N, C-alpha and C. Protein backbone atom coordinates (compact mmCIF):
# COMPACT_ATOMS: atom_id res chain seq x y z
N PHE A 1 -4.46 7.17 11.92
CA PHE A 1 -4.55 8.69 11.62
C PHE A 1 -6.06 9.16 11.83
N THR A 2 -6.91 8.36 11.38
CA THR A 2 -8.59 8.22 11.28
C THR A 2 -9.21 8.64 12.55
N ARG A 3 -8.86 7.64 13.36
CA ARG A 3 -9.40 7.50 14.86
C ARG A 3 -8.76 9.04 15.71
N ALA A 4 -7.77 9.35 15.44
CA ALA A 4 -7.16 10.33 16.33
C ALA A 4 -7.52 11.60 15.72
N MET A 5 -7.77 11.68 14.52
CA MET A 5 -8.21 12.92 13.76
C MET A 5 -9.74 13.13 14.54
N LEU A 6 -10.52 12.16 14.32
CA LEU A 6 -11.74 12.36 14.67
C LEU A 6 -12.11 12.49 16.26
N ALA A 7 -11.14 11.94 16.81
CA ALA A 7 -11.30 12.29 18.29
C ALA A 7 -10.60 13.62 18.75
N GLY A 8 -10.03 14.05 17.69
CA GLY A 8 -9.42 15.50 18.22
C GLY A 8 -7.87 15.48 18.77
N GLU A 9 -7.38 14.40 18.44
CA GLU A 9 -5.89 13.86 18.93
C GLU A 9 -5.01 14.16 17.98
N PRO A 10 -3.68 14.23 18.44
CA PRO A 10 -2.85 14.78 17.59
C PRO A 10 -2.16 13.35 16.96
N ILE A 11 -1.48 13.53 15.78
CA ILE A 11 -1.00 12.34 14.62
C ILE A 11 0.44 12.80 14.64
N ASP A 12 1.29 11.82 14.70
CA ASP A 12 2.65 11.80 14.63
C ASP A 12 2.79 11.68 13.02
N VAL A 13 3.56 12.98 12.43
CA VAL A 13 3.94 12.91 11.28
C VAL A 13 5.44 13.29 10.96
N PHE A 14 5.97 11.89 10.58
CA PHE A 14 7.38 11.91 10.60
C PHE A 14 7.83 12.71 9.33
N ASN A 15 9.15 13.16 9.12
CA ASN A 15 9.79 14.06 8.07
C ASN A 15 8.76 14.93 7.70
N ASN A 16 8.16 15.66 8.49
CA ASN A 16 7.31 16.60 8.01
C ASN A 16 6.33 16.21 7.18
N GLY A 17 5.72 15.04 6.80
CA GLY A 17 5.09 14.79 5.82
C GLY A 17 5.46 14.45 4.35
N GLU A 18 6.88 14.68 4.06
CA GLU A 18 7.44 14.54 3.21
C GLU A 18 7.54 13.22 2.41
N MET A 19 7.21 12.20 3.28
CA MET A 19 7.40 10.66 3.10
C MET A 19 6.42 10.44 1.83
N GLU A 20 6.91 9.46 1.12
CA GLU A 20 6.13 9.27 -0.12
C GLU A 20 5.81 7.47 -0.12
N ARG A 21 4.68 6.96 0.04
CA ARG A 21 4.34 5.79 0.41
C ARG A 21 3.27 5.29 -0.66
N ASP A 22 3.17 3.98 -0.83
CA ASP A 22 2.59 3.38 -2.16
C ASP A 22 1.29 2.91 -1.23
N PHE A 23 0.36 3.51 -1.11
CA PHE A 23 -0.98 3.26 -0.36
C PHE A 23 -1.89 2.35 -1.17
N THR A 24 -2.15 1.20 -1.03
CA THR A 24 -2.87 0.59 -1.91
C THR A 24 -4.47 0.25 -1.24
N TYR A 25 -5.59 0.43 -2.16
CA TYR A 25 -6.82 0.08 -1.52
C TYR A 25 -7.19 -1.50 -1.40
N ILE A 26 -7.61 -1.56 -0.49
CA ILE A 26 -8.31 -3.19 0.11
C ILE A 26 -8.49 -4.11 -0.82
N ASP A 27 -9.51 -3.47 -1.71
CA ASP A 27 -10.31 -4.25 -2.88
C ASP A 27 -9.12 -4.68 -4.29
N ASP A 28 -8.11 -3.59 -4.49
CA ASP A 28 -7.00 -3.95 -5.32
C ASP A 28 -6.21 -5.21 -4.59
N VAL A 29 -5.85 -5.00 -3.56
CA VAL A 29 -5.20 -6.24 -2.78
C VAL A 29 -5.92 -7.69 -2.82
N ILE A 30 -7.20 -7.53 -2.45
CA ILE A 30 -8.19 -8.71 -2.47
C ILE A 30 -7.95 -9.30 -3.92
N GLU A 31 -8.07 -8.51 -5.08
CA GLU A 31 -8.26 -8.97 -6.63
C GLU A 31 -6.73 -9.32 -6.72
N ALA A 32 -6.05 -8.90 -6.19
CA ALA A 32 -4.44 -9.52 -6.74
C ALA A 32 -4.15 -10.81 -6.04
N VAL A 33 -4.48 -10.81 -4.58
CA VAL A 33 -4.36 -12.16 -4.01
C VAL A 33 -5.11 -13.57 -4.59
N ALA A 34 -6.64 -13.18 -4.93
CA ALA A 34 -7.57 -14.00 -5.29
C ALA A 34 -6.81 -14.54 -6.73
N ARG A 35 -6.34 -13.62 -7.69
CA ARG A 35 -5.60 -13.86 -9.11
C ARG A 35 -4.41 -14.77 -8.76
N VAL A 36 -3.57 -14.68 -7.61
CA VAL A 36 -2.44 -15.29 -7.55
C VAL A 36 -2.95 -16.67 -6.99
N GLY A 37 -3.84 -16.68 -6.41
CA GLY A 37 -4.32 -17.98 -5.60
C GLY A 37 -4.89 -19.11 -6.48
N GLU A 38 -5.71 -18.38 -7.59
CA GLU A 38 -6.10 -19.29 -8.77
C GLU A 38 -5.20 -19.88 -9.41
N ARG A 39 -3.84 -19.29 -9.42
CA ARG A 39 -2.88 -20.19 -10.36
C ARG A 39 -1.66 -20.19 -9.52
N PRO A 40 -1.43 -21.28 -8.76
CA PRO A 40 -0.53 -21.52 -7.95
C PRO A 40 0.80 -21.55 -8.93
N ALA A 41 1.88 -21.01 -8.57
CA ALA A 41 3.28 -21.16 -8.85
C ALA A 41 3.86 -22.67 -9.17
N ALA A 42 4.64 -22.97 -10.13
CA ALA A 42 5.19 -24.34 -10.17
C ALA A 42 6.43 -24.33 -10.15
N ALA A 43 7.22 -25.35 -9.48
CA ALA A 43 8.49 -25.27 -9.34
C ALA A 43 9.33 -25.00 -10.72
N ASN A 44 10.68 -24.81 -10.83
CA ASN A 44 11.26 -24.70 -11.92
C ASN A 44 12.36 -25.85 -12.10
N PRO A 45 12.07 -27.23 -12.84
CA PRO A 45 13.12 -28.09 -12.38
C PRO A 45 14.47 -27.83 -13.06
N ALA A 46 14.76 -26.81 -14.08
CA ALA A 46 15.92 -26.52 -14.42
C ALA A 46 16.55 -25.46 -14.03
N TRP A 47 16.42 -25.22 -12.23
CA TRP A 47 17.05 -24.28 -11.79
C TRP A 47 18.11 -25.00 -10.94
N SER A 48 19.55 -24.41 -11.00
CA SER A 48 20.56 -24.70 -10.98
C SER A 48 21.20 -23.91 -9.73
N GLY A 49 21.66 -24.46 -8.75
CA GLY A 49 22.26 -23.61 -7.25
C GLY A 49 23.75 -23.00 -8.14
N ALA A 50 24.41 -23.60 -9.08
CA ALA A 50 25.75 -23.24 -9.76
C ALA A 50 25.30 -22.03 -10.79
N ALA A 51 24.04 -21.62 -11.12
CA ALA A 51 23.96 -20.25 -11.68
C ALA A 51 22.16 -20.10 -11.49
N PRO A 52 22.28 -19.53 -10.28
CA PRO A 52 20.69 -19.41 -9.60
C PRO A 52 20.10 -18.24 -10.38
N ASP A 53 18.67 -18.61 -10.60
CA ASP A 53 17.83 -17.53 -11.33
C ASP A 53 16.84 -17.25 -10.14
N PRO A 54 17.13 -15.91 -9.50
CA PRO A 54 16.48 -15.39 -8.67
C PRO A 54 15.07 -15.23 -8.87
N ALA A 55 14.54 -15.38 -10.16
CA ALA A 55 13.13 -15.07 -10.34
C ALA A 55 12.41 -16.82 -10.12
N SER A 56 13.06 -18.00 -9.79
CA SER A 56 12.55 -19.09 -9.40
C SER A 56 12.99 -19.96 -8.59
N SER A 57 12.79 -20.94 -8.27
CA SER A 57 13.42 -21.95 -7.50
C SER A 57 13.11 -23.54 -7.80
N THR A 58 13.49 -24.27 -6.92
CA THR A 58 13.07 -25.72 -7.18
C THR A 58 11.76 -25.87 -6.11
N ALA A 59 11.71 -24.73 -5.68
CA ALA A 59 10.20 -24.89 -4.98
C ALA A 59 9.11 -24.14 -5.47
N PRO A 60 7.70 -24.68 -5.19
CA PRO A 60 6.65 -24.12 -6.09
C PRO A 60 6.39 -22.54 -5.32
N TYR A 61 7.18 -21.77 -5.33
CA TYR A 61 6.92 -20.58 -4.90
C TYR A 61 7.24 -19.20 -5.82
N ARG A 62 6.09 -18.22 -5.65
CA ARG A 62 6.65 -17.22 -6.33
C ARG A 62 6.18 -15.72 -5.26
N ILE A 63 7.18 -14.90 -5.48
CA ILE A 63 6.66 -13.44 -4.68
C ILE A 63 6.33 -12.17 -5.78
N TYR A 64 5.35 -11.76 -5.29
CA TYR A 64 4.47 -10.66 -6.28
C TYR A 64 4.34 -9.53 -5.21
N ASN A 65 5.01 -8.55 -5.69
CA ASN A 65 4.72 -6.98 -4.68
C ASN A 65 3.13 -6.96 -5.33
N ILE A 66 2.76 -6.48 -4.37
CA ILE A 66 1.07 -5.88 -4.68
C ILE A 66 0.92 -4.37 -4.06
N GLY A 67 1.09 -3.61 -4.87
CA GLY A 67 0.95 -2.35 -4.60
C GLY A 67 0.27 -1.50 -5.69
N ASN A 68 0.24 -0.04 -5.21
CA ASN A 68 -0.61 0.84 -6.17
C ASN A 68 0.52 1.34 -7.18
N HIS A 69 2.01 1.22 -7.16
CA HIS A 69 2.95 1.84 -7.71
C HIS A 69 2.97 3.25 -8.07
N ALA A 70 2.16 3.78 -7.00
CA ALA A 70 2.13 5.47 -7.36
C ALA A 70 2.32 5.93 -5.79
N PRO A 71 3.50 6.56 -5.72
CA PRO A 71 3.76 6.88 -4.50
C PRO A 71 3.14 8.33 -4.18
N VAL A 72 2.57 8.42 -3.02
CA VAL A 72 1.55 9.36 -2.43
C VAL A 72 2.41 10.10 -1.47
N ARG A 73 2.51 11.04 -1.43
CA ARG A 73 3.51 12.13 -0.48
C ARG A 73 2.32 12.09 0.78
N LEU A 74 2.75 11.64 2.18
CA LEU A 74 2.25 11.57 3.40
C LEU A 74 1.38 12.92 3.70
N SER A 75 1.63 13.95 3.22
CA SER A 75 1.16 15.00 3.71
C SER A 75 -0.06 15.34 2.72
N ARG A 76 0.27 14.72 1.43
CA ARG A 76 -1.27 14.66 0.53
C ARG A 76 -2.22 13.72 1.15
N LEU A 77 -1.58 12.87 1.57
CA LEU A 77 -2.77 11.63 2.36
C LEU A 77 -3.74 12.36 3.48
N ILE A 78 -2.76 13.26 4.28
CA ILE A 78 -3.62 13.66 5.73
C ILE A 78 -4.42 14.87 5.06
N ASP A 79 -4.00 15.77 3.90
CA ASP A 79 -5.07 16.54 3.67
C ASP A 79 -6.12 16.02 3.01
N LEU A 80 -6.09 14.89 2.43
CA LEU A 80 -7.23 14.23 1.78
C LEU A 80 -8.01 13.78 2.94
N LEU A 81 -7.42 12.98 4.01
CA LEU A 81 -8.28 12.61 5.28
C LEU A 81 -9.07 13.81 5.73
N GLU A 82 -8.19 14.99 5.61
CA GLU A 82 -8.93 16.21 6.49
C GLU A 82 -10.35 16.37 5.52
N GLN A 83 -10.26 16.47 4.62
CA GLN A 83 -11.24 16.76 3.33
C GLN A 83 -12.36 15.82 3.72
N LYS A 84 -12.16 14.46 3.56
CA LYS A 84 -13.33 13.61 3.44
C LYS A 84 -13.61 13.38 5.21
N LEU A 85 -13.06 13.83 6.04
CA LEU A 85 -13.68 13.65 7.34
C LEU A 85 -14.35 14.97 7.85
N GLY A 86 -13.66 15.97 7.30
CA GLY A 86 -14.23 17.21 7.68
C GLY A 86 -13.51 17.63 8.86
N VAL A 87 -12.62 17.44 9.35
CA VAL A 87 -12.06 18.03 10.56
C VAL A 87 -10.41 18.49 10.01
N LYS A 88 -9.77 19.09 11.03
CA LYS A 88 -8.33 19.35 10.63
C LYS A 88 -7.62 18.69 11.58
N ALA A 89 -6.46 17.92 11.04
CA ALA A 89 -5.43 17.02 11.62
C ALA A 89 -4.93 18.09 12.76
N ILE A 90 -4.48 17.70 13.61
CA ILE A 90 -3.31 18.13 14.72
C ILE A 90 -2.06 17.51 14.88
N LYS A 91 -1.37 17.98 13.95
CA LYS A 91 0.10 17.32 13.59
C LYS A 91 1.02 17.43 14.74
N ASN A 92 1.82 16.58 14.79
CA ASN A 92 3.03 16.53 15.64
C ASN A 92 4.15 16.39 14.80
N LEU A 93 4.83 17.45 14.21
CA LEU A 93 5.85 17.20 13.26
C LEU A 93 7.24 16.80 13.66
N LEU A 94 7.34 15.70 13.05
CA LEU A 94 8.71 15.01 13.82
C LEU A 94 9.91 14.50 12.70
N PRO A 95 10.88 14.76 12.80
CA PRO A 95 12.06 14.39 12.08
C PRO A 95 11.91 12.83 11.37
N MET A 96 12.41 12.75 10.33
CA MET A 96 12.60 11.24 10.00
C MET A 96 13.24 10.35 10.86
N GLN A 97 12.61 9.43 10.99
CA GLN A 97 13.10 8.21 11.93
C GLN A 97 14.52 7.37 11.34
N PRO A 98 15.17 7.24 12.11
CA PRO A 98 16.52 6.57 11.96
C PRO A 98 16.18 5.29 11.09
N GLY A 99 16.66 5.10 9.96
CA GLY A 99 16.70 3.92 9.28
C GLY A 99 15.42 3.98 8.41
N ASP A 100 14.56 4.91 8.31
CA ASP A 100 13.34 4.87 7.36
C ASP A 100 14.02 5.60 6.08
N VAL A 101 12.99 5.13 5.19
CA VAL A 101 13.29 5.62 4.05
C VAL A 101 12.27 6.94 3.56
N PRO A 102 12.53 7.85 2.59
CA PRO A 102 12.08 9.10 2.22
C PRO A 102 10.92 8.36 1.31
N ALA A 103 10.94 7.54 0.35
CA ALA A 103 10.07 7.03 -0.54
C ALA A 103 10.20 5.51 -0.90
N THR A 104 8.86 4.81 -0.81
CA THR A 104 8.84 3.64 -1.37
C THR A 104 7.45 3.20 -2.07
N PHE A 105 7.55 2.46 -3.28
CA PHE A 105 6.53 2.19 -3.75
C PHE A 105 6.92 0.70 -4.42
N ALA A 106 5.53 -0.35 -4.63
CA ALA A 106 6.01 -1.35 -5.25
C ALA A 106 6.14 -1.36 -6.73
N ASP A 107 6.96 -2.07 -7.19
CA ASP A 107 7.17 -2.74 -8.60
C ASP A 107 6.35 -3.98 -8.97
N VAL A 108 5.19 -3.54 -9.35
CA VAL A 108 4.14 -4.61 -9.78
C VAL A 108 4.09 -5.36 -11.21
N GLY A 109 5.28 -5.11 -11.89
CA GLY A 109 5.52 -5.63 -13.09
C GLY A 109 5.40 -6.85 -13.49
N ASP A 110 5.83 -7.98 -12.46
CA ASP A 110 5.51 -9.40 -12.31
C ASP A 110 4.10 -9.66 -12.18
N LEU A 111 3.60 -8.89 -11.23
CA LEU A 111 2.20 -9.46 -11.09
C LEU A 111 1.15 -9.10 -12.66
N ALA A 112 1.56 -7.76 -12.90
CA ALA A 112 0.95 -7.52 -14.32
C ALA A 112 0.91 -8.21 -15.34
N ARG A 113 2.17 -8.76 -15.55
CA ARG A 113 2.67 -9.72 -16.70
C ARG A 113 1.87 -11.00 -16.43
N ASP A 114 1.98 -11.54 -15.25
CA ASP A 114 2.00 -13.26 -15.17
C ASP A 114 0.33 -13.12 -15.03
N PHE A 115 -0.44 -11.98 -14.54
CA PHE A 115 -1.71 -12.22 -14.02
C PHE A 115 -2.86 -11.16 -14.63
N GLY A 116 -2.29 -10.24 -15.72
CA GLY A 116 -2.87 -9.28 -16.07
C GLY A 116 -3.63 -8.11 -15.07
N PHE A 117 -2.82 -8.04 -13.99
CA PHE A 117 -3.67 -6.80 -13.11
C PHE A 117 -2.46 -6.50 -12.44
N ALA A 118 -2.92 -4.88 -12.22
CA ALA A 118 -2.11 -3.97 -11.42
C ALA A 118 -3.00 -3.37 -10.58
N PRO A 119 -2.87 -3.14 -9.10
CA PRO A 119 -4.00 -2.14 -8.71
C PRO A 119 -3.75 -0.84 -8.81
N SER A 120 -4.74 -0.17 -9.18
CA SER A 120 -4.89 0.89 -9.82
C SER A 120 -6.10 2.13 -9.03
N THR A 121 -6.48 1.68 -8.08
CA THR A 121 -7.56 2.57 -7.33
C THR A 121 -7.00 3.78 -6.98
N PRO A 122 -7.37 4.93 -7.33
CA PRO A 122 -6.72 6.12 -7.15
C PRO A 122 -6.75 6.41 -5.46
N ILE A 123 -5.86 7.35 -5.09
CA ILE A 123 -6.07 7.50 -3.52
C ILE A 123 -7.39 8.25 -3.19
N GLU A 124 -7.76 9.00 -4.16
CA GLU A 124 -8.89 9.92 -3.63
C GLU A 124 -9.81 8.90 -3.30
N THR A 125 -10.15 7.83 -4.29
CA THR A 125 -11.27 7.00 -4.40
C THR A 125 -11.12 6.06 -3.08
N GLY A 126 -10.13 5.54 -3.17
CA GLY A 126 -9.80 4.51 -1.91
C GLY A 126 -10.07 5.17 -0.64
N LEU A 127 -9.50 6.62 -0.33
CA LEU A 127 -9.80 7.09 0.92
C LEU A 127 -11.18 7.55 1.10
N SER A 128 -12.10 7.95 -0.12
CA SER A 128 -13.42 7.95 0.12
C SER A 128 -14.05 6.60 0.56
N ARG A 129 -13.94 5.91 -0.19
CA ARG A 129 -14.86 4.54 0.41
C ARG A 129 -14.32 4.04 1.95
N PHE A 130 -12.62 4.37 1.96
CA PHE A 130 -12.28 4.01 3.37
C PHE A 130 -13.12 4.69 4.49
N VAL A 131 -13.38 6.03 4.25
CA VAL A 131 -13.88 6.92 5.33
C VAL A 131 -15.27 6.45 5.26
N ASP A 132 -15.89 6.17 4.41
CA ASP A 132 -17.42 5.87 3.99
C ASP A 132 -17.65 4.68 5.31
N TRP A 133 -16.81 3.55 4.98
CA TRP A 133 -16.59 2.43 5.59
C TRP A 133 -16.51 2.40 7.26
N TYR A 134 -15.37 3.56 7.47
CA TYR A 134 -14.89 3.77 9.00
C TYR A 134 -16.04 4.57 9.64
N ARG A 135 -16.86 5.24 8.93
CA ARG A 135 -18.12 5.80 9.58
C ARG A 135 -19.02 4.78 10.03
N ALA A 136 -19.43 3.99 9.00
CA ALA A 136 -20.48 2.96 9.00
C ALA A 136 -20.31 2.01 9.82
N HIS A 137 -19.00 1.34 10.11
CA HIS A 137 -18.34 0.54 10.88
C HIS A 137 -18.70 0.93 12.39
N TYR A 138 -17.65 2.05 12.50
CA TYR A 138 -17.59 2.76 13.84
C TYR A 138 -18.69 3.25 14.48
N LYS A 139 -19.58 3.96 13.60
CA LYS A 139 -20.78 4.73 13.96
C LYS A 139 -20.51 5.89 14.32
N VAL A 140 -19.57 6.44 13.77
CA VAL A 140 -18.99 8.15 14.11
C VAL A 140 -19.39 8.94 12.68
C-alpha cells in the first residue's frame, strides 16, 4: 500500500476495507523469535499415539503464534497510512475474495505463558515507525 499510495497509484481494498487483520510490528516479531530461540523446545517422552496430546510430540518442536492479538480493520490501517504519509489513498474497492475470512488474529497465550512476552506495539506506533523507516530507506 505504501509504495502505491506515495506513487499516486490505486490500491486494491477487498471487502470494502471491512476485513480485520492482526498487524504485528517487526520489533515485536523479532523479540518473540529471539525469546523462543533462546530456549528450544524439548521432546515429550510421555507422548503416546494412542492418546495424542496436540500440544506436544516426540519431536523437539513447538509451534507458537506470534501476533499482536488485536485485530485492526483494514480501513483503519489505510486511514492511519494516509495520515502518516500525508496522501489520500486511491481505493479500488472490491468484494471479499472467495475463501478469505472477515477477521483473523493470533492467540498468543502459549507464547505469553512460556516466554512471558506478547507483542504489544499499538498499530499507530508501529505504522509511524514503519513510515519513518520507509521514507529513510527509499528516500521518499
